[in-house]
Amino acid sequence: KAGNNVLPGLQETWDETFDQDVLSSGVVNLVLFTATNCKPCESAREVVEEMQGRIKSESNYQIHSMDAVTNFVTTERFKVRSVPTLLLFNRAGIVVGEAIGARFPQDKMLRMIRDAVAVTSAR
């Protein structure tokens, strides 16, 4: 499957692969739920790209993109009601952070990622 919502360096995930890609990956995962032709999603992707550039050196995390419309099973499962939505999963696959909308606090999300990675690294 090829997606048009994926940033370079982002991994796209789908309903069929989500559990393996995210929940049982053993690392911290940030998942950006988007939709095609969603202007706020484009802005959110730009912010995630900036964040990705600021935390390149971290190795215990992954960033995924998921089309919320075509992957409705996962979208429903995690109660994503609007796009863009960012969910941060710890290495156990538990949601530990959430941001909804294109204007989310980037510094806060970066801290949450670093904190989740630090907990992962300490184990």
C-alpha atoms as a PDB file:
ATOM      1  CA  LYS A   1       0.000   0.000   0.000  1.00  0.00           C
ATOM      2  CA  ALA A   2       1.277   3.441  -0.795  1.00  0.00           C
ATOM      3  CA  GLY A   3       0.046   6.485   1.027  1.00  0.00           C
ATOM      4  CA  ASN A   4       0.059  10.137   0.142  1.00  0.00           C
ATOM      5  CA  ASN A   5      -0.054  11.334   3.747  1.00  0.00           C
ATOM      6  CA  VAL A   6       3.382  10.134   4.773  1.00  0.00           C
ATOM      7  CA  LEU A   7       6.360  12.347   5.471  1.00  0.00           C
ATOM      8  CA  PRO A   8       9.819  11.218   4.463  1.00  0.00           C
ATOM      9  CA  GLY A   9      11.076   9.153   7.374  1.00  0.00           C
ATOM     10  CA  LEU A  10       7.572   8.441   8.643  1.00  0.00           C
ATOM     11  CA  GLN A  11       6.275   4.938   8.523  1.00  0.00           C
ATOM     12  CA  GLU A  12       2.735   4.433   7.351  1.00  0.00           C
ATOM     13  CA  THR A  13       0.646   1.922   9.253  1.00  0.00           C
ATOM     14  CA  TRP A  14      -2.746   0.388   8.548  1.00  0.00           C
ATOM     15  CA  ASP A  15      -5.442  -1.497  10.457  1.00  0.00           C
ATOM     16  CA  GLU A  16      -3.832  -4.795   9.423  1.00  0.00           C
ATOM     17  CA  THR A  17      -0.349  -3.864  10.666  1.00  0.00           C
ATOM     18  CA  PHE A  18      -1.039  -1.470  13.549  1.00  0.00           C
ATOM     19  CA  ASP A  19      -0.638  -3.966  16.395  1.00  0.00           C
ATOM     20  CA  GLN A  20       2.716  -5.163  15.069  1.00  0.00           C
ATOM     21  CA  ASP A  21       3.970  -1.735  13.964  1.00  0.00           C
ATOM     22  CA  VAL A  22       2.961   0.147  17.106  1.00  0.00           C
ATOM     23  CA  LEU A  23       1.538  -1.826  20.006  1.00  0.00           C
ATOM     24  CA  SER A  24       4.041  -4.688  20.078  1.00  0.00           C
ATOM     25  CA  SER A  25       7.051  -2.884  18.591  1.00  0.00           C
ATOM     26  CA  GLY A  26       8.794  -2.511  21.965  1.00  0.00           C
ATOM     27  CA  VAL A  27       9.554   1.164  21.367  1.00  0.00           C
ATOM     28  CA  VAL A  28       7.781   4.482  21.894  1.00  0.00           C
ATOM     29  CA  ASN A  29       5.515   5.388  18.965  1.00  0.00           C
ATOM     30  CA  LEU A  30       3.943   8.657  17.903  1.00  0.00           C
ATOM     31  CA  VAL A  31       1.019   8.113  15.525  1.00  0.00           C
ATOM     32  CA  LEU A  32      -0.398  10.949  13.452  1.00  0.00           C
ATOM     33  CA  PHE A  33      -3.971  10.260  12.337  1.00  0.00           C
ATOM     34  CA  THR A  34      -4.665  12.240   9.164  1.00  0.00           C
ATOM     35  CA  ALA A  35      -6.987  12.376   6.174  1.00  0.00           C
ATOM     36  CA  THR A  36      -6.493  13.149   2.502  1.00  0.00           C
ATOM     37  CA  ASN A  37      -7.289  16.753   1.525  1.00  0.00           C
ATOM     38  CA  CYS A  38      -7.337  17.877   5.159  1.00  0.00           C
ATOM     39  CA  LYS A  39      -5.650  21.297   5.392  1.00  0.00           C
ATOM     40  CA  PRO A  40      -5.112  21.143   9.186  1.00  0.00           C
ATOM     41  CA  CYS A  41      -3.543  17.691   8.689  1.00  0.00           C
ATOM     42  CA  GLU A  42      -1.001  19.213   6.316  1.00  0.00           C
ATOM     43  CA  SER A  43      -0.071  21.747   9.012  1.00  0.00           C
ATOM     44  CA  ALA A  44       0.186  19.000  11.625  1.00  0.00           C
ATOM     45  CA  ARG A  45       2.450  16.963   9.340  1.00  0.00           C
ATOM     46  CA  GLU A  46       4.749  19.992   9.016  1.00  0.00           C
ATOM     47  CA  VAL A  47       4.909  20.312  12.809  1.00  0.00           C
ATOM     48  CA  VAL A  48       5.626  16.587  13.189  1.00  0.00           C
ATOM     49  CA  GLU A  49       8.385  16.925  10.587  1.00  0.00           C
ATOM     50  CA  GLU A  50       9.919  19.756  12.635  1.00  0.00           C
ATOM     51  CA  MET A  51       9.669  17.627  15.775  1.00  0.00           C
ATOM     52  CA  GLN A  52      11.250  14.720  13.958  1.00  0.00           C
ATOM     53  CA  GLY A  53      14.192  16.928  13.050  1.00  0.00           C
ATOM     54  CA  ARG A  54      14.597  18.018  16.677  1.00  0.00           C
ATOM     55  CA  ILE A  55      14.699  14.475  18.066  1.00  0.00           C
ATOM     56  CA  LYS A  56      16.598  12.637  15.323  1.00  0.00           C
ATOM     57  CA  SER A  57      19.181  11.389  17.782  1.00  0.00           C
ATOM     58  CA  GLU A  58      16.612   9.425  19.782  1.00  0.00           C
ATOM     59  CA  SER A  59      16.647   5.818  18.643  1.00  0.00           C
ATOM     60  CA  ASN A  60      13.937   4.311  20.811  1.00  0.00           C
ATOM     61  CA  TYR A  61      10.950   5.855  19.070  1.00  0.00           C
ATOM     62  CA  GLN A  62       9.119   5.716  15.767  1.00  0.00           C
ATOM     63  CA  ILE A  63       6.703   8.091  14.093  1.00  0.00           C
ATOM     64  CA  HIS A  64       3.834   6.651  12.073  1.00  0.00           C
ATOM     65  CA  SER A  65       1.156   8.157   9.897  1.00  0.00           C
ATOM     66  CA  MET A  66      -2.287   6.613   9.552  1.00  0.00           C
ATOM     67  CA  ASP A  67      -5.142   7.644   7.298  1.00  0.00           C
ATOM     68  CA  ALA A  68      -8.068   7.824   9.719  1.00  0.00           C
ATOM     69  CA  VAL A  69     -10.688   7.420   7.002  1.00  0.00           C
ATOM     70  CA  THR A  70      -9.406   4.240   5.365  1.00  0.00           C
ATOM     71  CA  ASN A  71      -8.276   2.721   8.682  1.00  0.00           C
ATOM     72  CA  PHE A  72     -11.533   3.138  10.574  1.00  0.00           C
ATOM     73  CA  VAL A  73     -11.035   0.022  12.749  1.00  0.00           C
ATOM     74  CA  THR A  74      -7.989   1.500  14.493  1.00  0.00           C
ATOM     75  CA  THR A  75      -9.497   4.981  14.446  1.00  0.00           C
ATOM     76  CA  GLU A  76     -12.573   3.667  16.284  1.00  0.00           C
ATOM     77  CA  ARG A  77     -10.503   1.516  18.622  1.00  0.00           C
ATOM     78  CA  PHE A  78      -8.624   4.534  19.937  1.00  0.00           C
ATOM     79  CA  LYS A  79     -11.649   6.834  19.745  1.00  0.00           C
ATOM     80  CA  VAL A  80     -10.075   9.278  17.294  1.00  0.00           C
ATOM     81  CA  ARG A  81     -12.942  11.669  16.594  1.00  0.00           C
ATOM     82  CA  SER A  82     -11.216  14.349  14.548  1.00  0.00           C
ATOM     83  CA  VAL A  83      -8.126  14.823  12.463  1.00  0.00           C
ATOM     84  CA  PRO A  84      -5.389  15.591  12.857  1.00  0.00           C
ATOM     85  CA  THR A  85      -4.849  13.674  16.075  1.00  0.00           C
ATOM     86  CA  LEU A  86      -1.516  12.626  17.549  1.00  0.00           C
ATOM     87  CA  LEU A  87      -1.344   9.688  19.945  1.00  0.00           C
ATOM     88  CA  LEU A  88       1.797   8.825  21.867  1.00  0.00           C
ATOM     89  CA  PHE A  89       2.181   5.168  22.847  1.00  0.00           C
ATOM     90  CA  ASN A  90       4.709   3.942  25.399  1.00  0.00           C
ATOM     91  CA  ARG A  91       6.720   0.798  24.702  1.00  0.00           C
ATOM     92  CA  ALA A  92       3.959  -1.322  26.263  1.00  0.00           C
ATOM     93  CA  GLY A  93       1.508  -0.001  23.657  1.00  0.00           C
ATOM     94  CA  ILE A  94      -0.445   2.189  26.067  1.00  0.00           C
ATOM     95  CA  VAL A  95      -1.538   5.696  25.070  1.00  0.00           C
ATOM     96  CA  VAL A  96       0.385   8.130  27.279  1.00  0.00           C
ATOM     97  CA  GLY A  97      -0.236  11.357  25.388  1.00  0.00           C
ATOM     98  CA  GLU A  98      -2.663  12.952  22.971  1.00  0.00           C
ATOM     99  CA  ALA A  99      -2.889  16.129  20.925  1.00  0.00           C
ATOM    100  CA  ILE A 100      -5.856  17.076  18.771  1.00  0.00           C
ATOM    101  CA  GLY A 101      -5.765  19.668  16.023  1.00  0.00           C
ATOM    102  CA  ALA A 102      -3.044  21.269  13.978  1.00  0.00           C
ATOM    103  CA  ARG A 103      -1.904  23.653  16.702  1.00  0.00           C
ATOM    104  CA  PHE A 104      -0.620  21.406  19.438  1.00  0.00           C
ATOM    105  CA  PRO A 105       2.085  22.324  21.937  1.00  0.00           C
ATOM    106  CA  GLN A 106       5.185  21.037  20.163  1.00  0.00           C
ATOM    107  CA  ASP A 107       7.502  21.486  23.154  1.00  0.00           C
ATOM    108  CA  LYS A 108       5.120  19.601  25.424  1.00  0.00           C
ATOM    109  CA  MET A 109       4.859  16.718  22.942  1.00  0.00           C
ATOM    110  CA  LEU A 110       8.659  16.631  22.574  1.00  0.00           C
ATOM    111  CA  ARG A 111       9.002  16.408  26.364  1.00  0.00           C
ATOM    112  CA  MET A 112       6.451  13.609  26.459  1.00  0.00           C
ATOM    113  CA  ILE A 113       8.338  11.684  23.752  1.00  0.00           C
ATOM    114  CA  ARG A 114      11.669  12.182  25.519  1.00  0.00           C
ATOM    115  CA  ASP A 115      10.159  11.162  28.877  1.00  0.00           C
ATOM    116  CA  ALA A 116       8.624   8.029  27.347  1.00  0.00           C
ATOM    117  CA  VAL A 117      11.931   7.172  25.631  1.00  0.00           C
ATOM    118  CA  ALA A 118      13.842   7.783  28.893  1.00  0.00           C
ATOM    119  CA  VAL A 119      11.569   5.349  30.728  1.00  0.00           C
ATOM    120  CA  THR A 120      12.102   2.832  27.904  1.00  0.00           C
ATOM    121  CA  SER A 121      15.883   3.288  28.017  1.00  0.00           C
ATOM    122  CA  ALA A 122      16.005   2.921  31.803  1.00  0.00           C
ATOM    123  CA  ARG A 123      14.509  -0.579  31.628  1.00  0.00           C
END
